Structure formats: structure tokens, C-alpha cells
Amino acid sequence: MSDNSGKFVWYEWMGADLAVAVDFYRHVVGWTLAETGMAGFPYQIASVGGYGVGGMLQTPPEAKGTPPCWTGYVYVDNVDAAVETLKAAGGSAMRPPMDIPNVGRMAIVADPQGAPFALFKDAGGDPPPAPPPETAGLVGWRELHTHDGKAAFDLYASQFGWKEDRQFDMGPMGVYRIFDIGGQQGGMMSKAPEGPGPCWLYYFIVEAADAANVRVTAKGGKILHGPHEVPGGMWATQCADPEGAMFGLVAAKK
């Protein structure tokens, strides 16, 4: 079993205008972005100090109608088996397992409450080690907004071995559950009824919240909430890019 099993190891943006998105995230997050050079398939790799954080692509014809979004990839040791196990627990396969030549095998799935994510195994057997977790440009937090936070946690714990680290009582908003898998953390909560459907939100690390928020709006994005101080002394902001894809920013200082 890989040390990365059950962890998020890749993040992927998909939308209508790849050039605008590349310019936006380069400016806001500070990534280095480079084209892979795959013939007939424009795909940009976002990296920090040479370490690949994620990819960006234009919505392909077979995914037409899918709203612009970020998708997180969870590492598993057997993609096909993980898909079947998830389906048996009430999840679904949105795109069945497929090979990406010289990269790995993946599938796009949804949990039983409808939140999409991906399953992935690297063709090389294991992704390279990441930089220190506080490095700007990495994903510093992963957050699931869903109908039933307790049921969602139980599902992911059974599928991927995630452990509950602690809980926060948010009053009328319910319980916020922090999960941990091998030192990688995130949270889960029951979403507000007026919010979007069940989804994952990924927070990119920046050095300062206020300065990053200025960069978001300067490039045509929107600040949806924040920055708010969160446990641990960090500042978190929820945003939307120029096409409306939601993402988050997290910083050690406001």
C-alpha cells in the first residue's frame, strides 16, 4: 500500500476559457504554469518550485454542460476496485476508469450525497513527495459542503481510512468535523440549504489574505466570504474565479 493512499494528490481546473484561467491563477496564487505539449489536448501544469500541484484544461466535448470547477484526486491503490467499493456504498461513477498514457489511471466519481471527486493511481506507483505543507501555492485545506456531514464523514472514513481529528460546534450551522489522513487535513460540514449542491472546496495557500483578495478582484474574480479567522490562527477566504469556479485561499496573516 502506498503512503499516499487516501490522500488528495492532484487538483484539476476545468472550464471554458483556459487562457483566462491560467492568467488568473498565475496572478492570484503565484503558480508557474506550463503547457504539457500533448498533441490536440491543451493541458497546463500548475507547479510550485518544480512540484506539480494540479492541472488546468478546457472542458472537453464529452463533458459539455459541466459547470467550471475544481476537482480533487484521491490516491488509491486500485482505481477499478475503489470505484466498485464506492458504488456499493451508494456512490456513482461519473466517468469510468480510464488510463492516461504515461501518467496513471483515474475515474471521476461522486459520493452518495452527490459531491464529485476523482480517484487516481500514478503509473509510476507513487507521486513524488510534496514540499513542506505550509508552502505558498499548495492546497492547504480541503472542505466538503454536503447535506449530512456525519454520514459523509462515515463514508469517507470507510472508503479511504480517514480519521476524525476533532470537532467544532458552529452553533446553528452544526458540527464542523476535521479529518486527517497521514497528516493531510480538511473539514466537513452540513451545508446551508440555500448553498450550492454538495461539493468539495479547495483552499490554496497564499502569504497574506487581504493582498490576495485584491489580486482576485483585479483579475475579474469575486470574494464570496471572508477573510475570516479560522482555528489555528489562519485567515480563510472563499472566492469564485472569472468563470464562477469556486475555490478558497488560506493565509497565515490577514
Protein backbone atom coordinates (compact mmCIF):
# COMPACT_ATOMS: atom_id res chain seq x y z
CA MET A 1 0.00 0.00 0.00
CA SER A 2 1.30 3.45 -0.93
CA ASP A 3 1.99 6.05 1.74
CA ASN A 4 -0.26 8.34 -0.32
CA SER A 5 -3.29 6.04 -0.18
CA GLY A 6 -6.40 8.02 0.74
CA LYS A 7 -4.73 11.41 0.30
CA PHE A 8 -5.55 14.14 -2.20
CA VAL A 9 -2.61 14.18 -4.61
CA TRP A 10 -3.81 16.34 -7.54
CA TYR A 11 -6.25 19.16 -8.23
CA GLU A 12 -7.70 19.98 -11.63
CA TRP A 13 -9.50 23.02 -13.03
CA MET A 14 -11.87 22.65 -15.95
CA GLY A 15 -13.72 25.45 -17.72
CA ALA A 16 -14.43 27.24 -20.99
CA ASP A 17 -11.50 29.68 -21.27
CA LEU A 18 -8.18 28.11 -20.38
CA ALA A 19 -6.11 31.18 -21.23
CA VAL A 20 -8.10 33.45 -18.90
CA ALA A 21 -7.96 30.88 -16.08
CA VAL A 22 -4.20 30.41 -16.44
CA ASP A 23 -3.64 34.17 -16.25
CA PHE A 24 -5.98 34.48 -13.27
CA TYR A 25 -4.46 31.74 -11.09
CA ARG A 26 -0.89 32.65 -12.01
CA HIS A 27 -1.61 36.17 -10.76
CA VAL A 28 -3.65 35.20 -7.66
CA VAL A 29 -1.83 32.11 -6.36
CA GLY A 30 1.61 32.63 -7.88
CA TRP A 31 1.92 29.30 -9.68
CA THR A 32 4.28 28.58 -12.52
CA LEU A 33 2.11 27.27 -15.36
CA ALA A 34 3.41 25.36 -18.36
CA GLU A 35 1.82 23.54 -21.28
CA THR A 36 2.40 19.78 -21.36
CA GLY A 37 2.70 19.67 -25.12
CA MET A 38 0.22 16.83 -25.60
CA ALA A 39 -0.91 16.93 -29.24
CA GLY A 40 -4.51 18.05 -29.61
CA PHE A 41 -5.07 18.33 -25.86
CA PRO A 42 -4.04 21.63 -24.27
CA TYR A 43 -3.25 20.98 -20.61
CA GLN A 44 -1.44 23.32 -18.27
CA ILE A 45 0.50 22.08 -15.23
CA ALA A 46 0.49 24.37 -12.18
CA SER A 47 3.62 23.97 -10.09
CA VAL A 48 5.42 25.37 -7.06
CA GLY A 49 9.20 25.16 -7.15
CA GLY A 50 9.04 22.39 -9.72
CA TYR A 51 6.43 20.37 -7.80
CA GLY A 52 3.19 19.80 -9.69
CA VAL A 53 0.15 20.91 -7.71
CA GLY A 54 -2.51 20.41 -10.36
CA GLY A 55 -3.63 20.79 -13.92
CA MET A 56 -5.91 23.01 -15.97
CA LEU A 57 -7.84 22.12 -19.11
CA GLN A 58 -10.62 23.39 -21.31
CA THR A 59 -13.89 21.50 -20.94
CA PRO A 60 -13.79 18.63 -23.47
CA PRO A 61 -16.81 17.82 -25.69
CA GLU A 62 -17.76 14.78 -23.62
CA ALA A 63 -18.08 16.98 -20.51
CA LYS A 64 -20.08 19.73 -22.18
CA GLY A 65 -22.57 21.26 -19.73
CA THR A 66 -20.37 20.68 -16.68
CA PRO A 67 -20.01 23.95 -14.74
CA PRO A 68 -16.47 25.33 -14.35
CA CYS A 69 -14.97 23.66 -11.30
CA TRP A 70 -12.00 22.32 -9.38
CA THR A 71 -11.79 18.55 -8.84
CA GLY A 72 -9.57 16.85 -6.27
CA TYR A 73 -7.90 13.49 -6.98
CA VAL A 74 -7.70 10.94 -4.15
CA TYR A 75 -4.92 8.36 -4.44
CA VAL A 76 -5.98 4.71 -4.30
CA ASP A 77 -4.03 1.52 -4.86
CA ASN A 78 -6.58 0.10 -7.31
CA VAL A 79 -8.85 2.53 -9.16
CA ASP A 80 -11.25 -0.10 -10.52
CA ALA A 81 -11.73 -1.75 -7.15
CA ALA A 82 -12.18 1.62 -5.40
CA VAL A 83 -14.90 2.59 -7.89
CA GLU A 84 -16.82 -0.61 -7.22
CA THR A 85 -16.47 -0.22 -3.46
CA LEU A 86 -17.76 3.34 -3.64
CA LYS A 87 -20.71 2.31 -5.84
CA ALA A 88 -21.60 -0.44 -3.36
CA ALA A 89 -21.74 2.25 -0.65
CA GLY A 90 -24.15 4.38 -2.69
CA GLY A 91 -21.73 6.47 -4.75
CA SER A 92 -21.60 6.67 -8.52
CA ALA A 93 -19.10 6.64 -11.38
CA MET A 94 -19.44 9.79 -13.48
CA ARG A 95 -16.61 8.74 -15.77
CA PRO A 96 -15.48 5.08 -15.58
CA PRO A 97 -11.84 4.12 -15.01
CA MET A 98 -9.52 5.09 -17.84
CA ASP A 99 -5.79 5.14 -18.47
CA ILE A 100 -3.86 8.37 -19.05
CA PRO A 101 -0.80 7.28 -21.07
CA ASN A 102 2.44 7.55 -19.06
CA VAL A 103 0.55 9.23 -16.19
CA GLY A 104 -1.76 6.76 -14.46
CA ARG A 105 -5.32 5.51 -14.17
CA MET A 106 -8.25 7.61 -12.99
CA ALA A 107 -12.02 7.79 -12.64
CA ILE A 108 -14.41 10.64 -11.88
CA VAL A 109 -16.89 9.67 -9.16
CA ALA A 110 -19.45 11.17 -6.80
CA ASP A 111 -20.11 10.27 -3.19
CA PRO A 112 -23.60 9.12 -2.13
CA GLN A 113 -24.70 12.72 -1.50
CA GLY A 114 -23.52 13.86 -4.93
CA ALA A 115 -20.17 15.59 -4.29
CA PRO A 116 -17.81 14.88 -7.22
CA PHE A 117 -14.13 13.98 -6.87
CA ALA A 118 -11.64 11.73 -8.66
CA LEU A 119 -9.80 8.51 -7.91
CA PHE A 120 -6.24 8.15 -9.15
CA LYS A 121 -3.22 5.87 -9.22
CA ASP A 122 0.11 7.04 -10.63
CA ALA A 123 1.62 4.92 -13.41
CA GLY A 124 4.94 5.23 -11.61
CA GLY A 125 3.48 3.70 -8.48
CA ASP A 126 3.67 6.72 -6.20
CA PRO A 127 3.56 10.53 -6.57
CA PRO A 128 6.74 12.40 -5.57
CA PRO A 129 6.95 13.86 -2.05
CA ALA A 130 5.46 17.33 -1.67
CA PRO A 131 7.26 20.44 -0.39
CA PRO A 132 6.65 21.47 3.25
CA PRO A 133 2.87 21.65 3.80
CA GLU A 134 2.89 25.39 4.57
CA THR A 135 4.45 26.27 1.18
CA ALA A 136 2.58 29.02 -0.68
CA GLY A 137 0.78 27.66 -3.73
CA LEU A 138 -0.02 24.26 -2.27
CA VAL A 139 -3.53 23.27 -1.22
CA GLY A 140 -3.66 23.93 2.50
CA TRP A 141 -7.21 22.80 3.25
CA ARG A 142 -9.92 20.64 1.70
CA GLU A 143 -13.54 21.20 2.70
CA LEU A 144 -16.68 19.23 1.95
CA HIS A 145 -20.05 21.01 1.97
CA THR A 146 -22.79 18.40 1.98
CA HIS A 147 -26.29 17.57 3.15
CA ASP A 148 -25.30 15.35 6.10
CA GLY A 149 -21.82 15.92 7.46
CA LYS A 150 -21.86 12.90 9.79
CA ALA A 151 -22.92 10.49 7.05
CA ALA A 152 -20.31 11.96 4.71
CA PHE A 153 -17.53 11.52 7.25
CA ASP A 154 -18.53 7.91 7.88
CA LEU A 155 -18.47 7.24 4.13
CA TYR A 156 -15.01 8.68 3.50
CA ALA A 157 -13.62 7.06 6.63
CA SER A 158 -14.82 3.65 5.46
CA GLN A 159 -13.59 4.16 1.88
CA PHE A 160 -10.20 5.78 2.49
CA GLY A 161 -9.31 5.31 6.16
CA TRP A 162 -9.73 8.97 7.10
CA LYS A 163 -9.70 9.66 10.85
CA GLU A 164 -11.65 12.29 12.75
CA ASP A 165 -9.17 14.67 14.34
CA ARG A 166 -11.61 16.91 16.21
CA GLN A 167 -14.96 18.68 16.02
CA PHE A 168 -16.07 22.30 16.28
CA ASP A 169 -19.57 23.27 17.31
CA MET A 170 -20.67 26.05 14.96
CA GLY A 171 -24.00 26.63 16.69
CA PRO A 172 -26.90 26.91 14.24
CA MET A 173 -24.56 25.80 11.43
CA GLY A 174 -23.97 22.46 13.12
CA VAL A 175 -20.78 20.47 13.69
CA TYR A 176 -17.60 21.00 11.69
CA ARG A 177 -15.61 17.76 11.51
CA ILE A 178 -11.87 17.91 10.87
CA PHE A 179 -10.43 14.80 9.28
CA ASP A 180 -6.84 13.62 8.99
CA ILE A 181 -5.18 11.12 6.70
CA GLY A 182 -1.44 10.77 7.21
CA GLY A 183 -1.05 14.41 8.25
CA GLN A 184 -3.21 15.81 5.46
CA GLN A 185 -6.24 17.58 6.89
CA GLY A 186 -9.56 19.04 5.87
CA GLY A 187 -13.08 19.58 7.16
CA MET A 188 -16.66 18.55 6.55
CA MET A 189 -19.88 20.33 7.32
CA SER A 190 -23.58 20.17 6.60
CA LYS A 191 -24.18 22.97 4.12
CA ALA A 192 -26.75 25.73 4.35
CA PRO A 193 -29.97 24.90 2.46
CA GLU A 194 -29.54 27.93 0.19
CA GLY A 195 -25.99 26.97 -0.76
CA PRO A 196 -24.87 25.09 -3.89
CA GLY A 197 -25.21 21.33 -4.11
CA PRO A 198 -22.75 19.04 -2.29
CA CYS A 199 -19.21 19.90 -3.36
CA TRP A 200 -15.57 19.98 -2.34
CA LEU A 201 -13.83 23.33 -1.89
CA TYR A 202 -10.04 23.54 -2.08
CA TYR A 203 -8.06 26.31 -0.36
CA PHE A 204 -4.74 27.45 -1.88
CA ILE A 205 -2.06 28.81 0.44
CA VAL A 206 -1.09 32.46 -0.02
CA GLU A 207 1.11 34.66 2.11
CA ALA A 208 -1.47 37.29 3.11
CA ALA A 209 -5.27 37.23 2.81
CA ASP A 210 -6.01 40.89 2.09
CA ALA A 211 -3.37 41.20 -0.62
CA ALA A 212 -4.55 38.00 -2.29
CA ASN A 213 -8.16 39.20 -2.22
CA VAL A 214 -7.11 42.36 -4.09
CA ARG A 215 -5.49 40.16 -6.74
CA VAL A 216 -8.69 38.11 -7.07
CA THR A 217 -10.90 41.11 -7.84
CA ALA A 218 -8.27 42.79 -10.02
CA LYS A 219 -8.39 39.80 -12.37
CA GLY A 220 -12.17 39.53 -12.53
CA GLY A 221 -12.84 37.10 -9.70
CA LYS A 222 -15.20 37.56 -6.76
CA ILE A 223 -14.81 37.38 -2.99
CA LEU A 224 -17.74 35.32 -1.70
CA HIS A 225 -16.90 35.22 2.03
CA GLY A 226 -14.04 36.44 4.17
CA PRO A 227 -11.35 36.70 5.02
CA HIS A 228 -12.39 35.08 8.31
CA GLU A 229 -10.06 33.97 11.07
CA VAL A 230 -10.28 30.20 11.50
CA PRO A 231 -8.92 27.83 14.16
CA GLY A 232 -5.16 27.71 14.13
CA GLY A 233 -4.76 31.44 13.61
CA MET A 234 -5.21 31.28 9.83
CA TRP A 235 -7.31 33.51 7.59
CA ALA A 236 -9.62 31.88 5.05
CA THR A 237 -11.48 33.36 2.09
CA GLN A 238 -13.98 31.75 -0.27
CA CYS A 239 -13.79 33.00 -3.84
CA ALA A 240 -15.02 32.47 -7.39
CA ASP A 241 -12.82 32.83 -10.46
CA PRO A 242 -13.93 34.76 -13.60
CA GLU A 243 -15.97 31.76 -14.81
CA GLY A 244 -17.55 31.13 -11.41
CA ALA A 245 -15.49 28.12 -10.31
CA MET A 246 -15.30 28.21 -6.51
CA PHE A 247 -12.01 27.97 -4.65
CA GLY A 248 -10.56 29.12 -1.35
CA LEU A 249 -7.49 30.96 -0.14
CA VAL A 250 -5.83 30.45 3.24
CA ALA A 251 -3.09 32.59 4.75
CA ALA A 252 -1.16 32.89 7.99
CA LYS A 253 -1.77 36.63 8.16
CA LYS A 254 -4.58 38.94 7.12
